Amino acid sequence: MPPRRRDVVGDVMRGSSLGRLHEPRASESAQATLEMALCTVALLGMILGVAVVWRAAERGVLARLVEEAASHGLDVAGAIDAALF
């Protein structure tokens, strides 16, 4: 009978933390699910924020805000303000 070869990889996996990669615990699975849910919510929030800014720019809200902020230079008080700057 030929000598039996040892499963070296299996022995190493059982004796180290690498063995846990193949057997996830319930708490680890729940943590991964929670992390995925939080990342999904964060991604959707960023997409929604970009959509709101895009819509505001499309409707001219941002242009109006810039115009109102820059219009102080068109009156007398604005000239004084610009001179003091």
C-alpha atoms as a PDB file:
ATOM      1  CA  MET A   1       0.000   0.000   0.000  1.00  0.00           C
ATOM      2  CA  PRO A   2       1.487   3.391  -0.981  1.00  0.00           C
ATOM      3  CA  PRO A   3       2.058   5.939   1.773  1.00  0.00           C
ATOM      4  CA  ARG A   4      -0.795   8.358   2.182  1.00  0.00           C
ATOM      5  CA  ARG A   5      -0.069  11.990   1.351  1.00  0.00           C
ATOM      6  CA  ARG A   6      -1.080  14.538   3.916  1.00  0.00           C
ATOM      7  CA  ASP A   7      -3.385  17.301   2.922  1.00  0.00           C
ATOM      8  CA  VAL A   8      -0.962  20.107   3.745  1.00  0.00           C
ATOM      9  CA  VAL A   9      -3.272  22.902   2.661  1.00  0.00           C
ATOM     10  CA  GLY A  10      -6.115  21.513   4.747  1.00  0.00           C
ATOM     11  CA  ASP A  11      -3.885  21.216   7.830  1.00  0.00           C
ATOM     12  CA  VAL A  12      -2.650  24.776   7.410  1.00  0.00           C
ATOM     13  CA  MET A  13      -6.167  26.080   6.893  1.00  0.00           C
ATOM     14  CA  ARG A  14      -7.485  24.311   9.995  1.00  0.00           C
ATOM     15  CA  GLY A  15      -4.643  25.545  12.175  1.00  0.00           C
ATOM     16  CA  SER A  16      -4.811  29.208  11.235  1.00  0.00           C
ATOM     17  CA  SER A  17      -7.231  32.055  10.859  1.00  0.00           C
ATOM     18  CA  LEU A  18      -7.489  31.278   7.127  1.00  0.00           C
ATOM     19  CA  GLY A  19      -9.813  28.408   7.981  1.00  0.00           C
ATOM     20  CA  ARG A  20     -12.455  30.883   9.061  1.00  0.00           C
ATOM     21  CA  LEU A  21     -12.668  32.252   5.529  1.00  0.00           C
ATOM     22  CA  HIS A  22     -14.554  29.140   4.490  1.00  0.00           C
ATOM     23  CA  GLU A  23     -16.853  29.012   7.506  1.00  0.00           C
ATOM     24  CA  PRO A  24     -18.430  32.447   8.163  1.00  0.00           C
ATOM     25  CA  ARG A  25     -20.123  32.895  11.480  1.00  0.00           C
ATOM     26  CA  ALA A  26     -23.664  34.179  11.722  1.00  0.00           C
ATOM     27  CA  SER A  27     -22.485  37.421  13.357  1.00  0.00           C
ATOM     28  CA  GLU A  28     -19.977  38.008  10.550  1.00  0.00           C
ATOM     29  CA  SER A  29     -22.669  37.449   7.954  1.00  0.00           C
ATOM     30  CA  ALA A  30     -24.968  39.885   9.745  1.00  0.00           C
ATOM     31  CA  GLN A  31     -22.180  42.471   9.934  1.00  0.00           C
ATOM     32  CA  ALA A  32     -21.528  42.152   6.204  1.00  0.00           C
ATOM     33  CA  THR A  33     -25.231  42.615   5.498  1.00  0.00           C
ATOM     34  CA  LEU A  34     -25.366  45.721   7.682  1.00  0.00           C
ATOM     35  CA  GLU A  35     -22.253  47.193   6.064  1.00  0.00           C
ATOM     36  CA  MET A  36     -23.704  46.566   2.602  1.00  0.00           C
ATOM     37  CA  ALA A  37     -26.975  48.242   3.604  1.00  0.00           C
ATOM     38  CA  LEU A  38     -25.156  51.283   5.006  1.00  0.00           C
ATOM     39  CA  CYS A  39     -22.990  51.631   1.898  1.00  0.00           C
ATOM     40  CA  THR A  40     -26.074  51.350  -0.321  1.00  0.00           C
ATOM     41  CA  VAL A  41     -27.869  54.076   1.632  1.00  0.00           C
ATOM     42  CA  ALA A  42     -24.791  56.327   1.464  1.00  0.00           C
ATOM     43  CA  LEU A  43     -24.454  55.773  -2.291  1.00  0.00           C
ATOM     44  CA  LEU A  44     -28.139  56.516  -2.886  1.00  0.00           C
ATOM     45  CA  GLY A  45     -27.816  59.679  -0.789  1.00  0.00           C
ATOM     46  CA  MET A  46     -24.886  60.884  -2.885  1.00  0.00           C
ATOM     47  CA  ILE A  47     -26.736  60.137  -6.112  1.00  0.00           C
ATOM     48  CA  LEU A  48     -29.795  62.004  -4.834  1.00  0.00           C
ATOM     49  CA  GLY A  49     -27.635  64.989  -3.815  1.00  0.00           C
ATOM     50  CA  VAL A  50     -26.045  65.184  -7.254  1.00  0.00           C
ATOM     51  CA  ALA A  51     -29.503  64.957  -8.836  1.00  0.00           C
ATOM     52  CA  VAL A  52     -30.772  67.849  -6.679  1.00  0.00           C
ATOM     53  CA  VAL A  53     -27.799  70.053  -7.578  1.00  0.00           C
ATOM     54  CA  TRP A  54     -28.185  69.125 -11.254  1.00  0.00           C
ATOM     55  CA  ARG A  55     -31.893  70.009 -11.184  1.00  0.00           C
ATOM     56  CA  ALA A  56     -31.195  73.318  -9.439  1.00  0.00           C
ATOM     57  CA  ALA A  57     -28.574  74.211 -12.041  1.00  0.00           C
ATOM     58  CA  GLU A  58     -30.944  73.223 -14.835  1.00  0.00           C
ATOM     59  CA  ARG A  59     -33.730  75.464 -13.520  1.00  0.00           C
ATOM     60  CA  GLY A  60     -31.413  78.431 -13.093  1.00  0.00           C
ATOM     61  CA  VAL A  61     -31.517  78.518  -9.304  1.00  0.00           C
ATOM     62  CA  LEU A  62     -27.721  78.498  -9.033  1.00  0.00           C
ATOM     63  CA  ALA A  63     -27.391  81.261 -11.629  1.00  0.00           C
ATOM     64  CA  ARG A  64     -29.881  83.386  -9.692  1.00  0.00           C
ATOM     65  CA  LEU A  65     -27.988  82.824  -6.454  1.00  0.00           C
ATOM     66  CA  VAL A  66     -24.712  83.844  -8.099  1.00  0.00           C
ATOM     67  CA  GLU A  67     -26.379  86.906  -9.613  1.00  0.00           C
ATOM     68  CA  GLU A  68     -27.825  87.968  -6.269  1.00  0.00           C
ATOM     69  CA  ALA A  69     -24.472  87.487  -4.563  1.00  0.00           C
ATOM     70  CA  ALA A  70     -22.628  89.490  -7.230  1.00  0.00           C
ATOM     71  CA  SER A  71     -25.247  92.221  -7.603  1.00  0.00           C
ATOM     72  CA  HIS A  72     -24.015  94.067  -4.519  1.00  0.00           C
ATOM     73  CA  GLY A  73     -21.366  95.588  -6.798  1.00  0.00           C
ATOM     74  CA  LEU A  74     -24.038  97.313  -8.897  1.00  0.00           C
ATOM     75  CA  ASP A  75     -25.256  99.831  -6.281  1.00  0.00           C
ATOM     76  CA  VAL A  76     -23.537 102.526  -4.197  1.00  0.00           C
ATOM     77  CA  ALA A  77     -23.173 100.346  -1.099  1.00  0.00           C
ATOM     78  CA  GLY A  78     -21.532  97.720  -3.275  1.00  0.00           C
ATOM     79  CA  ALA A  79     -18.980 100.213  -4.570  1.00  0.00           C
ATOM     80  CA  ILE A  80     -18.041 101.113  -0.996  1.00  0.00           C
ATOM     81  CA  ASP A  81     -17.876  97.455  -0.093  1.00  0.00           C
ATOM     82  CA  ALA A  82     -15.607  96.739  -3.069  1.00  0.00           C
ATOM     83  CA  ALA A  83     -13.382  99.722  -2.184  1.00  0.00           C
ATOM     84  CA  LEU A  84     -12.973  98.484   1.410  1.00  0.00           C
ATOM     85  CA  PHE A  85     -12.083  95.039   0.189  1.00  0.00           C
END
